[in-house]
Amino acid sequence: MVDEVLIIKTRGAVAQLFRYALVGLLSNVAGYLAYLMLTYQGGTPKLTMTLLYGVGAAVGFFGNRSLAFEHQGSVLGAGIRYVIAHGIGYLLNLSILIVFVDKLGYAHQWVQGIAIFIVAAFLFLAFKVFVFPVSREGAR
């Protein structure tokens, strides 16, 4: 019985991760291409990342809430928690750029490309546990 529950929960988490990855893939590919285009046109890496981070986060809220996490709770409460999680994610992304581009001299294109995956992993955990939690009754 316990093994069956664990298998069901694991399958659910894997499906959730897949849906999160799909939403993230679509939004991050579009955002990264826009980042490359805007920095190629003369935009500074950190300002460009800041503008695109906000746009991507706003669009991603609805995709993640409805598709990835199938959240049925309060939109306002989830929205506030989402902003908090993304605020931390933004600071993580900015810190990565400052350390690896400004301090260590790596190319911003590569650093931002890698940072996307680091921030995405953090955000998946934050969304699952903090932003879009499953209700105590187990209902979604």
Protein backbone atom coordinates (compact mmCIF):
# COMPACT_ATOMS: atom_id res chain seq x y z
CA MET A 1 0.00 0.00 0.00
CA VAL A 2 2.75 2.45 0.94
CA ASP A 3 4.69 1.53 -2.22
CA GLU A 4 1.62 2.20 -4.37
CA VAL A 5 1.15 5.64 -2.83
CA LEU A 6 4.82 6.44 -3.40
CA ILE A 7 4.59 5.33 -7.05
CA ILE A 8 1.50 7.48 -7.62
CA LYS A 9 3.15 10.51 -5.99
CA THR A 10 6.35 9.97 -7.99
CA ARG A 11 4.43 9.70 -11.27
CA GLY A 12 2.55 12.86 -10.41
CA ALA A 13 5.74 14.74 -9.60
CA VAL A 14 7.38 13.57 -12.84
CA ALA A 15 4.34 14.66 -14.86
CA GLN A 16 4.37 17.99 -13.04
CA LEU A 17 8.07 18.45 -13.76
CA PHE A 18 7.46 17.65 -17.43
CA ARG A 19 4.66 20.24 -17.68
CA TYR A 20 6.82 22.80 -15.85
CA ALA A 21 9.68 22.08 -18.27
CA LEU A 22 7.35 22.53 -21.25
CA VAL A 23 6.07 25.90 -20.02
CA GLY A 24 9.62 26.91 -19.16
CA LEU A 25 11.06 25.74 -22.46
CA LEU A 26 8.60 27.77 -24.48
CA SER A 27 8.97 30.93 -22.42
CA ASN A 28 12.75 30.66 -21.92
CA VAL A 29 13.59 29.99 -25.56
CA ALA A 30 11.58 33.05 -26.56
CA GLY A 31 13.15 35.08 -23.74
CA TYR A 32 16.69 33.96 -24.50
CA LEU A 33 16.33 34.75 -28.19
CA ALA A 34 15.01 38.19 -27.25
CA TYR A 35 17.96 38.58 -24.83
CA LEU A 36 20.46 37.75 -27.57
CA MET A 37 18.76 40.10 -30.02
CA LEU A 38 18.53 43.00 -27.58
CA THR A 39 22.12 42.65 -26.34
CA TYR A 40 23.30 42.36 -29.96
CA GLN A 41 21.51 45.64 -30.64
CA GLY A 42 23.45 47.29 -27.80
CA GLY A 43 21.39 46.54 -24.70
CA THR A 44 23.43 45.95 -21.57
CA PRO A 45 23.22 42.37 -20.26
CA LYS A 46 21.89 43.14 -16.77
CA LEU A 47 19.28 45.70 -17.88
CA THR A 48 18.12 43.42 -20.70
CA MET A 49 17.87 40.45 -18.32
CA THR A 50 15.92 42.60 -15.85
CA LEU A 51 13.33 43.69 -18.42
CA LEU A 52 12.90 40.24 -19.92
CA TYR A 53 12.82 38.54 -16.52
CA GLY A 54 9.78 40.58 -15.53
CA VAL A 55 7.94 39.91 -18.80
CA GLY A 56 8.74 36.19 -18.68
CA ALA A 57 7.66 35.89 -15.06
CA ALA A 58 4.33 37.57 -15.73
CA VAL A 59 3.54 35.32 -18.69
CA GLY A 60 4.80 32.22 -16.88
CA PHE A 61 2.47 32.72 -13.91
CA PHE A 62 -0.60 31.69 -15.86
CA GLY A 63 1.10 28.79 -17.64
CA ASN A 64 2.58 27.43 -14.44
CA ARG A 65 -0.52 27.94 -12.35
CA SER A 66 -2.91 26.26 -14.77
CA LEU A 67 -0.76 23.77 -16.71
CA ALA A 68 2.22 22.76 -14.62
CA PHE A 69 0.80 22.80 -11.10
CA GLU A 70 -2.97 22.76 -11.76
CA HIS A 71 -3.42 25.08 -8.80
CA GLN A 72 -7.00 25.70 -7.66
CA GLY A 73 -6.24 27.99 -4.71
CA SER A 74 -6.38 31.74 -4.43
CA VAL A 75 -4.98 33.59 -7.45
CA LEU A 76 -4.04 36.55 -5.26
CA GLY A 77 -2.24 34.44 -2.66
CA ALA A 78 -0.42 32.44 -5.33
CA GLY A 79 0.40 35.68 -7.16
CA ILE A 80 2.00 37.22 -4.09
CA ARG A 81 4.02 34.07 -3.40
CA TYR A 82 4.97 33.92 -7.10
CA VAL A 83 6.34 37.47 -6.98
CA ILE A 84 8.37 36.60 -3.86
CA ALA A 85 9.78 33.43 -5.49
CA HIS A 86 10.64 35.30 -8.66
CA GLY A 87 12.21 38.11 -6.66
CA ILE A 88 14.59 35.57 -5.15
CA GLY A 89 15.08 33.97 -8.57
CA TYR A 90 15.89 37.36 -10.06
CA LEU A 91 18.48 38.07 -7.37
CA LEU A 92 19.99 34.63 -7.98
CA ASN A 93 20.18 35.36 -11.74
CA LEU A 94 21.66 38.83 -11.17
CA SER A 95 24.23 37.42 -8.74
CA ILE A 96 25.30 34.82 -11.28
CA LEU A 97 25.81 37.54 -13.92
CA ILE A 98 27.73 39.79 -11.52
CA VAL A 99 30.04 37.01 -10.35
CA PHE A 100 30.68 35.20 -13.61
CA VAL A 101 30.58 38.12 -16.08
CA ASP A 102 31.71 41.17 -14.10
CA LYS A 103 34.13 39.51 -11.69
CA LEU A 104 35.39 36.44 -13.57
CA GLY A 105 35.10 37.75 -17.14
CA TYR A 106 33.05 34.99 -18.77
CA ALA A 107 30.91 35.80 -21.83
CA HIS A 108 27.45 36.96 -20.76
CA GLN A 109 25.75 34.91 -23.50
CA TRP A 110 27.00 31.62 -22.01
CA VAL A 111 26.53 32.67 -18.41
CA GLN A 112 22.91 33.71 -18.98
CA GLY A 113 22.22 30.51 -20.92
CA ILE A 114 23.42 28.43 -17.97
CA ALA A 115 21.75 30.69 -15.40
CA ILE A 116 18.37 29.94 -16.97
CA PHE A 117 18.67 26.29 -15.87
CA ILE A 118 19.92 27.13 -12.36
CA VAL A 119 17.10 29.59 -11.75
CA ALA A 120 14.55 27.20 -13.30
CA ALA A 121 15.54 24.42 -10.87
CA PHE A 122 15.21 26.79 -7.91
CA LEU A 123 11.84 28.06 -9.15
CA PHE A 124 10.43 24.55 -9.69
CA LEU A 125 11.08 23.72 -6.06
CA ALA A 126 9.78 27.09 -4.88
CA PHE A 127 6.60 26.77 -6.98
CA LYS A 128 5.95 23.18 -5.88
CA VAL A 129 6.42 23.80 -2.17
CA PHE A 130 5.64 27.48 -1.64
CA VAL A 131 3.74 29.11 -4.52
CA PHE A 132 1.31 26.41 -5.70
CA PRO A 133 1.13 23.92 -2.82
CA VAL A 134 -1.30 21.03 -2.83
CA SER A 135 -4.05 21.59 -0.29
CA ARG A 136 -3.94 19.52 2.91
CA GLU A 137 -6.99 17.58 1.78
CA GLY A 138 -5.08 16.54 -1.34
CA ALA A 139 -7.58 18.27 -3.63
CA ARG A 140 -6.36 20.45 -6.46
